[in-house]
Amino acid sequence: MEKHVTYKTKGVCSTQIDFDLRDGHIYNVKYTGGCRGNTQGVARLAEGMEAEEVVRRCKGIECRGDNSCPNQLALAIEANL
């Protein structure tokens, strides 16, 4: 099963995250806005990874207080599992 997700971020520099969820894995992660190097790095590292593993690794990462672009990706994935 494949699902395209568009997630509006909250409290971070990026404004949106798009990704595909296919058979429990994450593909084609694209951030809109944010710190380009960091968001590209997170997107590439998550490519093909099991969705629950991305959540485990990224949830709770802090950048601005208790939030970050990786944390927002984890929340987006959780909301769509």
PDB file of N, CA and C in Angstrom:
ATOM      1  N   MET A   1       0.843  -1.176   0.000  1.00  0.00           N
ATOM      2  CA  MET A   1       0.000   0.000   0.000  1.00  0.00           C
ATOM      3  C   MET A   1       0.891   1.242   0.000  1.00  0.00           C
ATOM      4  N   GLU A   2       0.576   2.210  -0.840  1.00  0.00           N
ATOM      5  CA  GLU A   2       1.346   3.450  -0.908  1.00  0.00           C
ATOM      6  C   GLU A   2       0.454   4.630  -0.585  1.00  0.00           C
ATOM      7  N   LYS A   3       1.022   5.565   0.156  1.00  0.00           N
ATOM      8  CA  LYS A   3       0.284   6.759   0.554  1.00  0.00           C
ATOM      9  C   LYS A   3       1.224   7.954   0.470  1.00  0.00           C
ATOM     10  N   HIS A   4       0.799   9.017  -0.210  1.00  0.00           N
ATOM     11  CA  HIS A   4       1.569  10.257  -0.223  1.00  0.00           C
ATOM     12  C   HIS A   4       1.065  11.126   0.920  1.00  0.00           C
ATOM     13  N   VAL A   5       2.003  11.684   1.680  1.00  0.00           N
ATOM     14  CA  VAL A   5       1.657  12.501   2.843  1.00  0.00           C
ATOM     15  C   VAL A   5       2.202  13.912   2.650  1.00  0.00           C
ATOM     16  N   THR A   6       1.363  14.900   2.925  1.00  0.00           N
ATOM     17  CA  THR A   6       1.770  16.296   3.018  1.00  0.00           C
ATOM     18  C   THR A   6       1.443  16.739   4.426  1.00  0.00           C
ATOM     19  N   TYR A   7       2.472  17.141   5.173  1.00  0.00           N
ATOM     20  CA  TYR A   7       2.321  17.480   6.586  1.00  0.00           C
ATOM     21  C   TYR A   7       2.755  18.923   6.800  1.00  0.00           C
ATOM     22  N   LYS A   8       1.871  19.730   7.340  1.00  0.00           N
ATOM     23  CA  LYS A   8       2.182  21.121   7.678  1.00  0.00           C
ATOM     24  C   LYS A   8       2.878  21.136   9.036  1.00  0.00           C
ATOM     25  N   THR A   9       4.116  21.600   9.050  1.00  0.00           N
ATOM     26  CA  THR A   9       4.902  21.595  10.281  1.00  0.00           C
ATOM     27  C   THR A   9       4.465  22.710  11.225  1.00  0.00           C
ATOM     28  N   LYS A  10       4.869  22.556  12.486  1.00  0.00           N
ATOM     29  CA  LYS A  10       4.527  23.545  13.515  1.00  0.00           C
ATOM     30  C   LYS A  10       5.761  23.851  14.355  1.00  0.00           C
ATOM     31  N   GLY A  11       6.076  25.141  14.505  1.00  0.00           N
ATOM     32  CA  GLY A  11       7.130  25.559  15.410  1.00  0.00           C
ATOM     33  C   GLY A  11       8.555  25.348  14.942  1.00  0.00           C
ATOM     34  N   VAL A  12       8.763  25.160  13.634  1.00  0.00           N
ATOM     35  CA  VAL A  12      10.111  24.984  13.089  1.00  0.00           C
ATOM     36  C   VAL A  12      10.269  25.847  11.839  1.00  0.00           C
ATOM     37  N   CYS A  13      11.499  25.935  11.342  1.00  0.00           N
ATOM     38  CA  CYS A  13      11.786  26.759  10.154  1.00  0.00           C
ATOM     39  C   CYS A  13      11.118  26.228   8.893  1.00  0.00           C
ATOM     40  N   SER A  14      11.066  24.914   8.744  1.00  0.00           N
ATOM     41  CA  SER A  14      10.394  24.356   7.564  1.00  0.00           C
ATOM     42  C   SER A  14       8.888  24.540   7.724  1.00  0.00           C
ATOM     43  N   THR A  15       8.189  24.619   6.606  1.00  0.00           N
ATOM     44  CA  THR A  15       6.741  24.838   6.658  1.00  0.00           C
ATOM     45  C   THR A  15       5.935  23.601   6.290  1.00  0.00           C
ATOM     46  N   GLN A  16       6.592  22.643   5.646  1.00  0.00           N
ATOM     47  CA  GLN A  16       5.871  21.460   5.166  1.00  0.00           C
ATOM     48  C   GLN A  16       6.854  20.323   4.930  1.00  0.00           C
ATOM     49  N   ILE A  17       6.356  19.100   5.128  1.00  0.00           N
ATOM     50  CA  ILE A  17       7.120  17.904   4.780  1.00  0.00           C
ATOM     51  C   ILE A  17       6.236  17.034   3.899  1.00  0.00           C
ATOM     52  N   ASP A  18       6.772  16.594   2.776  1.00  0.00           N
ATOM     53  CA  ASP A  18       6.093  15.652   1.895  1.00  0.00           C
ATOM     54  C   ASP A  18       6.903  14.362   1.884  1.00  0.00           C
ATOM     55  N   PHE A  19       6.210  13.235   1.893  1.00  0.00           N
ATOM     56  CA  PHE A  19       6.896  11.939   1.776  1.00  0.00           C
ATOM     57  C   PHE A  19       5.904  10.883   1.345  1.00  0.00           C
ATOM     58  N   ASP A  20       6.444   9.761   0.895  1.00  0.00           N
ATOM     59  CA  ASP A  20       5.625   8.611   0.534  1.00  0.00           C
ATOM     60  C   ASP A  20       5.835   7.532   1.581  1.00  0.00           C
ATOM     61  N   LEU A  21       4.754   6.922   1.988  1.00  0.00           N
ATOM     62  CA  LEU A  21       4.770   5.806   2.925  1.00  0.00           C
ATOM     63  C   LEU A  21       4.333   4.580   2.130  1.00  0.00           C
ATOM     64  N   ARG A  22       5.275   3.640   1.968  1.00  0.00           N
ATOM     65  CA  ARG A  22       4.987   2.464   1.135  1.00  0.00           C
ATOM     66  C   ARG A  22       5.452   1.206   1.860  1.00  0.00           C
ATOM     67  N   ASP A  23       4.505   0.325   2.128  1.00  0.00           N
ATOM     68  CA  ASP A  23       4.800  -0.948   2.795  1.00  0.00           C
ATOM     69  C   ASP A  23       5.621  -0.754   4.066  1.00  0.00           C
ATOM     70  N   GLY A  24       5.267   0.280   4.836  1.00  0.00           N
ATOM     71  CA  GLY A  24       5.924   0.519   6.118  1.00  0.00           C
ATOM     72  C   GLY A  24       7.279   1.186   6.030  1.00  0.00           C
ATOM     73  N   HIS A  25       7.638   1.683   4.841  1.00  0.00           N
ATOM     74  CA  HIS A  25       8.922   2.350   4.648  1.00  0.00           C
ATOM     75  C   HIS A  25       8.708   3.770   4.114  1.00  0.00           C
ATOM     76  N   ILE A  26       9.714   4.623   4.328  1.00  0.00           N
ATOM     77  CA  ILE A  26       9.634   6.034   3.957  1.00  0.00           C
ATOM     78  C   ILE A  26      10.453   6.299   2.694  1.00  0.00           C
ATOM     79  N   TYR A  27       9.858   7.060   1.766  1.00  0.00           N
ATOM     80  CA  TYR A  27      10.524   7.412   0.515  1.00  0.00           C
ATOM     81  C   TYR A  27      10.217   8.860   0.146  1.00  0.00           C
ATOM     82  N   ASN A  28      11.094   9.455  -0.640  1.00  0.00           N
ATOM     83  CA  ASN A  28      10.870  10.764  -1.268  1.00  0.00           C
ATOM     84  C   ASN A  28      10.561  11.875  -0.269  1.00  0.00           C
ATOM     85  N   VAL A  29      11.316  11.936   0.817  1.00  0.00           N
ATOM     86  CA  VAL A  29      11.102  12.981   1.818  1.00  0.00           C
ATOM     87  C   VAL A  29      11.581  14.310   1.250  1.00  0.00           C
ATOM     88  N   LYS A  30      10.719  15.311   1.309  1.00  0.00           N
ATOM     89  CA  LYS A  30      11.071  16.650   0.848  1.00  0.00           C
ATOM     90  C   LYS A  30      10.520  17.664   1.850  1.00  0.00           C
ATOM     91  N   TYR A  31      11.422  18.474   2.375  1.00  0.00           N
ATOM     92  CA  TYR A  31      11.039  19.569   3.261  1.00  0.00           C
ATOM     93  C   TYR A  31      10.878  20.832   2.433  1.00  0.00           C
ATOM     94  N   THR A  32       9.910  21.659   2.801  1.00  0.00           N
ATOM     95  CA  THR A  32       9.773  22.991   2.226  1.00  0.00           C
ATOM     96  C   THR A  32      10.299  23.961   3.274  1.00  0.00           C
ATOM     97  N   GLY A  33      11.346  24.691   2.912  1.00  0.00           N
ATOM     98  CA  GLY A  33      11.979  25.609   3.851  1.00  0.00           C
ATOM     99  C   GLY A  33      12.875  24.859   4.816  1.00  0.00           C
ATOM    100  N   GLY A  34      13.286  25.559   5.845  1.00  0.00           N
ATOM    101  CA  GLY A  34      14.171  24.957   6.832  1.00  0.00           C
ATOM    102  C   GLY A  34      15.626  25.126   6.457  1.00  0.00           C
ATOM    103  N   CYS A  35      16.493  24.600   7.277  1.00  0.00           N
ATOM    104  CA  CYS A  35      17.943  24.654   7.038  1.00  0.00           C
ATOM    105  C   CYS A  35      18.284  23.608   5.991  1.00  0.00           C
ATOM    106  N   ARG A  36      18.584  24.055   4.803  1.00  0.00           N
ATOM    107  CA  ARG A  36      18.719  23.180   3.639  1.00  0.00           C
ATOM    108  C   ARG A  36      19.615  21.962   3.876  1.00  0.00           C
ATOM    109  N   GLY A  37      20.786  22.168   4.416  1.00  0.00           N
ATOM    110  CA  GLY A  37      21.695  21.047   4.641  1.00  0.00           C
ATOM    111  C   GLY A  37      21.128  20.026   5.605  1.00  0.00           C
ATOM    112  N   ASN A  38      20.554  20.509   6.693  1.00  0.00           N
ATOM    113  CA  ASN A  38      19.994  19.599   7.693  1.00  0.00           C
ATOM    114  C   ASN A  38      18.786  18.839   7.164  1.00  0.00           C
ATOM    115  N   THR A  39      17.885  19.543   6.502  1.00  0.00           N
ATOM    116  CA  THR A  39      16.681  18.855   6.018  1.00  0.00           C
ATOM    117  C   THR A  39      17.019  17.871   4.896  1.00  0.00           C
ATOM    118  N   GLN A  40      17.991  18.215   4.046  1.00  0.00           N
ATOM    119  CA  GLN A  40      18.407  17.266   3.005  1.00  0.00           C
ATOM    120  C   GLN A  40      19.061  16.046   3.633  1.00  0.00           C
ATOM    121  N   GLY A  41      19.853  16.277   4.673  1.00  0.00           N
ATOM    122  CA  GLY A  41      20.507  15.160   5.353  1.00  0.00           C
ATOM    123  C   GLY A  41      19.506  14.209   5.981  1.00  0.00           C
ATOM    124  N   VAL A  42      18.531  14.763   6.686  1.00  0.00           N
ATOM    125  CA  VAL A  42      17.501  13.935   7.311  1.00  0.00           C
ATOM    126  C   VAL A  42      16.732  13.173   6.238  1.00  0.00           C
ATOM    127  N   ALA A  43      16.375  13.854   5.154  1.00  0.00           N
ATOM    128  CA  ALA A  43      15.617  13.223   4.073  1.00  0.00           C
ATOM    129  C   ALA A  43      16.390  12.055   3.462  1.00  0.00           C
ATOM    130  N   ARG A  44      17.670  12.242   3.218  1.00  0.00           N
ATOM    131  CA  ARG A  44      18.470  11.172   2.605  1.00  0.00           C
ATOM    132  C   ARG A  44      18.654   9.999   3.559  1.00  0.00           C
ATOM    133  N   LEU A  45      18.863  10.305   4.835  1.00  0.00           N
ATOM    134  CA  LEU A  45      19.044   9.225   5.802  1.00  0.00           C
ATOM    135  C   LEU A  45      17.772   8.404   5.985  1.00  0.00           C
ATOM    136  N   ALA A  46      16.612   9.060   5.884  1.00  0.00           N
ATOM    137  CA  ALA A  46      15.337   8.362   6.074  1.00  0.00           C
ATOM    138  C   ALA A  46      14.930   7.539   4.854  1.00  0.00           C
ATOM    139  N   GLU A  47      15.492   7.839   3.688  1.00  0.00           N
ATOM    140  CA  GLU A  47      15.099   7.181   2.437  1.00  0.00           C
ATOM    141  C   GLU A  47      15.189   5.660   2.534  1.00  0.00           C
ATOM    142  N   GLY A  48      14.049   5.012   2.325  1.00  0.00           N
ATOM    143  CA  GLY A  48      13.985   3.556   2.329  1.00  0.00           C
ATOM    144  C   GLY A  48      13.944   2.925   3.713  1.00  0.00           C
ATOM    145  N   MET A  49      14.051   3.744   4.752  1.00  0.00           N
ATOM    146  CA  MET A  49      14.087   3.219   6.112  1.00  0.00           C
ATOM    147  C   MET A  49      12.681   2.825   6.571  1.00  0.00           C
ATOM    148  N   GLU A  50      12.625   1.862   7.441  1.00  0.00           N
ATOM    149  CA  GLU A  50      11.356   1.460   8.037  1.00  0.00           C
ATOM    150  C   GLU A  50      10.792   2.661   8.803  1.00  0.00           C
ATOM    151  N   ALA A  51       9.520   2.950   8.589  1.00  0.00           N
ATOM    152  CA  ALA A  51       8.883   4.135   9.167  1.00  0.00           C
ATOM    153  C   ALA A  51       9.012   4.170  10.691  1.00  0.00           C
ATOM    154  N   GLU A  52       8.782   3.062  11.340  1.00  0.00           N
ATOM    155  CA  GLU A  52       8.856   3.040  12.804  1.00  0.00           C
ATOM    156  C   GLU A  52      10.273   3.307  13.300  1.00  0.00           C
ATOM    157  N   GLU A  53      11.271   2.938  12.517  1.00  0.00           N
ATOM    158  CA  GLU A  53      12.667   3.213  12.882  1.00  0.00           C
ATOM    159  C   GLU A  53      12.972   4.703  12.764  1.00  0.00           C
ATOM    160  N   VAL A  54      12.430   5.360  11.739  1.00  0.00           N
ATOM    161  CA  VAL A  54      12.609   6.809  11.596  1.00  0.00           C
ATOM    162  C   VAL A  54      11.995   7.507  12.811  1.00  0.00           C
ATOM    163  N   VAL A  55      10.808   7.075  13.217  1.00  0.00           N
ATOM    164  CA  VAL A  55      10.155   7.660  14.391  1.00  0.00           C
ATOM    165  C   VAL A  55      11.022   7.456  15.620  1.00  0.00           C
ATOM    166  N   ARG A  56      11.519   6.246  15.809  1.00  0.00           N
ATOM    167  CA  ARG A  56      12.334   5.937  16.977  1.00  0.00           C
ATOM    168  C   ARG A  56      13.582   6.822  17.036  1.00  0.00           C
ATOM    169  N   ARG A  57      14.205   7.039  15.904  1.00  0.00           N
ATOM    170  CA  ARG A  57      15.455   7.804  15.869  1.00  0.00           C
ATOM    171  C   ARG A  57      15.244   9.312  15.918  1.00  0.00           C
ATOM    172  N   CYS A  58      14.143   9.802  15.375  1.00  0.00           N
ATOM    173  CA  CYS A  58      13.962  11.252  15.219  1.00  0.00           C
ATOM    174  C   CYS A  58      13.062  11.904  16.255  1.00  0.00           C
ATOM    175  N   LYS A  59      12.158  11.150  16.842  1.00  0.00           N
ATOM    176  CA  LYS A  59      11.205  11.743  17.779  1.00  0.00           C
ATOM    177  C   LYS A  59      11.942  12.273  19.011  1.00  0.00           C
ATOM    178  N   GLY A  60      11.650  13.514  19.354  1.00  0.00           N
ATOM    179  CA  GLY A  60      12.217  14.123  20.547  1.00  0.00           C
ATOM    180  C   GLY A  60      13.507  14.890  20.308  1.00  0.00           C
ATOM    181  N   ILE A  61      14.032  14.887  19.075  1.00  0.00           N
ATOM    182  CA  ILE A  61      15.222  15.690  18.785  1.00  0.00           C
ATOM    183  C   ILE A  61      14.851  17.161  18.927  1.00  0.00           C
ATOM    184  N   GLU A  62      15.690  17.907  19.621  1.00  0.00           N
ATOM    185  CA  GLU A  62      15.408  19.319  19.882  1.00  0.00           C
ATOM    186  C   GLU A  62      16.278  20.238  19.040  1.00  0.00           C
ATOM    187  N   CYS A  63      15.709  21.346  18.643  1.00  0.00           N
ATOM    188  CA  CYS A  63      16.438  22.409  17.951  1.00  0.00           C
ATOM    189  C   CYS A  63      15.982  23.740  18.533  1.00  0.00           C
ATOM    190  N   ARG A  64      14.700  23.954  18.512  1.00  0.00           N
ATOM    191  CA  ARG A  64      14.104  25.174  19.064  1.00  0.00           C
ATOM    192  C   ARG A  64      13.205  24.754  20.225  1.00  0.00           C
ATOM    193  N   GLY A  65      13.778  24.730  21.398  1.00  0.00           N
ATOM    194  CA  GLY A  65      12.999  24.264  22.541  1.00  0.00           C
ATOM    195  C   GLY A  65      12.809  22.770  22.458  1.00  0.00           C
ATOM    196  N   ASP A  66      11.576  22.339  22.369  1.00  0.00           N
ATOM    197  CA  ASP A  66      11.279  20.898  22.359  1.00  0.00           C
ATOM    198  C   ASP A  66      10.890  20.386  20.977  1.00  0.00           C
ATOM    199  N   ASN A  67      11.357  21.054  19.920  1.00  0.00           N
ATOM    200  CA  ASN A  67      10.926  20.693  18.575  1.00  0.00           C
ATOM    201  C   ASN A  67      12.095  20.789  17.598  1.00  0.00           C
ATOM    202  N   SER A  68      11.956  20.170  16.438  1.00  0.00           N
ATOM    203  CA  SER A  68      12.958  20.236  15.371  1.00  0.00           C
ATOM    204  C   SER A  68      12.339  19.695  14.093  1.00  0.00           C
ATOM    205  N   CYS A  69      13.024  19.885  12.978  1.00  0.00           N
ATOM    206  CA  CYS A  69      12.546  19.314  11.712  1.00  0.00           C
ATOM    207  C   CYS A  69      12.541  17.782  11.745  1.00  0.00           C
ATOM    208  N   PRO A  70      13.568  17.119  12.325  1.00  0.00           N
ATOM    209  CA  PRO A  70      13.479  15.661  12.428  1.00  0.00           C
ATOM    210  C   PRO A  70      12.310  15.216  13.316  1.00  0.00           C
ATOM    211  N   ASN A  71      12.066  15.934  14.404  1.00  0.00           N
ATOM    212  CA  ASN A  71      10.939  15.606  15.275  1.00  0.00           C
ATOM    213  C   ASN A  71       9.616  15.755  14.522  1.00  0.00           C
ATOM    214  N   GLN A  72       9.514  16.788  13.711  1.00  0.00           N
ATOM    215  CA  GLN A  72       8.287  16.982  12.931  1.00  0.00           C
ATOM    216  C   GLN A  72       8.076  15.837  11.946  1.00  0.00           C
ATOM    217  N   LEU A  73       9.154  15.333  11.359  1.00  0.00           N
ATOM    218  CA  LEU A  73       9.033  14.171  10.467  1.00  0.00           C
ATOM    219  C   LEU A  73       8.511  12.977  11.245  1.00  0.00           C
ATOM    220  N   ALA A  74       9.052  12.762  12.429  1.00  0.00           N
ATOM    221  CA  ALA A  74       8.576  11.645  13.266  1.00  0.00           C
ATOM    222  C   ALA A  74       7.092  11.784  13.578  1.00  0.00           C
ATOM    223  N   LEU A  75       6.665  12.985  13.930  1.00  0.00           N
ATOM    224  CA  LEU A  75       5.238  13.205  14.234  1.00  0.00           C
ATOM    225  C   LEU A  75       4.364  12.993  12.998  1.00  0.00           C
ATOM    226  N   ALA A  76       4.853  13.422  11.849  1.00  0.00           N
ATOM    227  CA  ALA A  76       4.105  13.231  10.601  1.00  0.00           C
ATOM    228  C   ALA A  76       3.948  11.751  10.281  1.00  0.00           C
ATOM    229  N   ILE A  77       5.022  10.996  10.483  1.00  0.00           N
ATOM    230  CA  ILE A  77       4.961   9.561  10.212  1.00  0.00           C
ATOM    231  C   ILE A  77       4.000   8.890  11.190  1.00  0.00           C
ATOM    232  N   GLU A  78       4.145   9.200  12.470  1.00  0.00           N
ATOM    233  CA  GLU A  78       3.250   8.603  13.482  1.00  0.00           C
ATOM    234  C   GLU A  78       1.787   8.849  13.152  1.00  0.00           C
ATOM    235  N   ALA A  79       1.480  10.055  12.714  1.00  0.00           N
ATOM    236  CA  ALA A  79       0.089  10.411  12.398  1.00  0.00           C
ATOM    237  C   ALA A  79      -0.454   9.632  11.206  1.00  0.00           C
ATOM    238  N   ASN A  80       0.442   9.041  10.422  1.00  0.00           N
ATOM    239  CA  ASN A  80       0.002   8.354   9.204  1.00  0.00           C
ATOM    240  C   ASN A  80       0.260   6.865   9.186  1.00  0.00           C
ATOM    241  N   LEU A  81       0.694   6.317  10.305  1.00  0.00           N
ATOM    242  CA  LEU A  81       0.880   4.867  10.377  1.00  0.00           C
ATOM    243  C   LEU A  81      -0.433   4.176  10.716  1.00  0.00           C
TER     244      LEU A  81
END
